[in-house]
Amino acid sequence: MGRRDVRGHYDDLAAEYGEHWVYGPEYVPWMSRRIAEALRIGSTDRIADIGSGTNLFAQ
C-alpha cells in the first residue's frame, strides 16, 4: 500500500471511527475518572487534547 493509499484509508476511517466501538453508558465516565486519577488532574488544571485520537475521554 502506497503512502497516498494509507492516508486515504485513514481519512475515510476517521469520519466514522467512533461508530466502530461499543461502550456501555458507564464505561466512558469510569475510564475518564481513572485517567484523571492517574494523572492527578485537579479542578484548576487544564489539559490539551492534541493528537490523542477521537477525543472520547477528554470530553
Protein backbone atom coordinates (compact mmCIF):
# COMPACT_ATOMS: atom_id res chain seq x y z
CA MET A 1 0.00 0.00 0.00
CA GLY A 2 1.46 3.33 -1.05
CA ARG A 3 1.67 6.40 1.15
CA ARG A 4 -1.35 8.02 -0.52
CA ASP A 5 -3.36 4.84 -0.12
CA VAL A 6 -2.62 4.72 3.61
CA ARG A 7 -3.55 8.36 4.12
CA GLY A 8 -6.77 7.93 2.15
CA HIS A 9 -7.64 4.86 4.18
CA TYR A 10 -7.30 6.75 7.48
CA ASP A 11 -9.04 9.85 6.14
CA ASP A 12 -12.02 7.67 5.22
CA LEU A 13 -11.93 5.80 8.51
CA ALA A 14 -11.72 8.93 10.69
CA ALA A 15 -15.22 10.14 9.84
CA GLU A 16 -16.85 7.03 11.30
CA TYR A 17 -14.18 5.70 13.65
CA GLY A 18 -16.20 6.25 16.83
CA GLU A 19 -19.05 4.17 15.44
CA HIS A 20 -16.83 1.07 15.42
CA TRP A 21 -16.59 0.97 19.22
CA VAL A 22 -19.37 -0.05 21.56
CA TYR A 23 -19.28 1.16 25.15
CA GLY A 24 -21.79 0.74 27.92
CA PRO A 25 -23.11 4.02 29.36
CA GLU A 26 -20.89 3.65 32.44
CA TYR A 27 -17.62 2.99 30.61
CA VAL A 28 -16.59 6.46 29.41
CA PRO A 29 -17.20 8.23 32.76
CA TRP A 30 -15.45 5.39 34.60
CA MET A 31 -12.40 5.44 32.31
CA SER A 32 -12.27 9.25 32.35
CA ARG A 33 -12.14 9.20 36.16
CA ARG A 34 -9.38 6.58 36.04
CA ILE A 35 -7.34 8.71 33.64
CA ALA A 36 -7.82 11.85 35.76
CA GLU A 37 -6.82 9.96 38.90
CA ALA A 38 -3.72 8.51 37.26
CA LEU A 39 -2.68 11.95 36.02
CA ARG A 40 -3.71 13.60 39.30
CA ILE A 41 -5.74 16.21 37.42
CA GLY A 42 -7.37 18.74 39.73
CA SER A 43 -10.28 21.09 39.22
CA THR A 44 -7.96 24.02 38.44
CA ASP A 45 -5.75 22.10 36.00
CA ARG A 46 -6.08 22.37 32.23
CA ILE A 47 -5.40 19.70 29.65
CA ALA A 48 -4.84 19.85 25.91
CA ASP A 49 -6.08 17.02 23.73
CA ILE A 50 -3.55 17.17 20.90
CA GLY A 51 -3.31 14.20 18.61
CA SER A 52 -4.83 11.76 21.06
CA GLY A 53 -7.35 10.17 18.78
CA THR A 54 -11.09 10.68 18.90
CA ASN A 55 -11.27 12.95 21.97
CA LEU A 56 -13.52 10.38 23.64
CA PHE A 57 -12.05 10.69 27.14
CA ALA A 58 -11.21 14.40 27.04
CA GLN A 59 -14.86 15.28 26.52
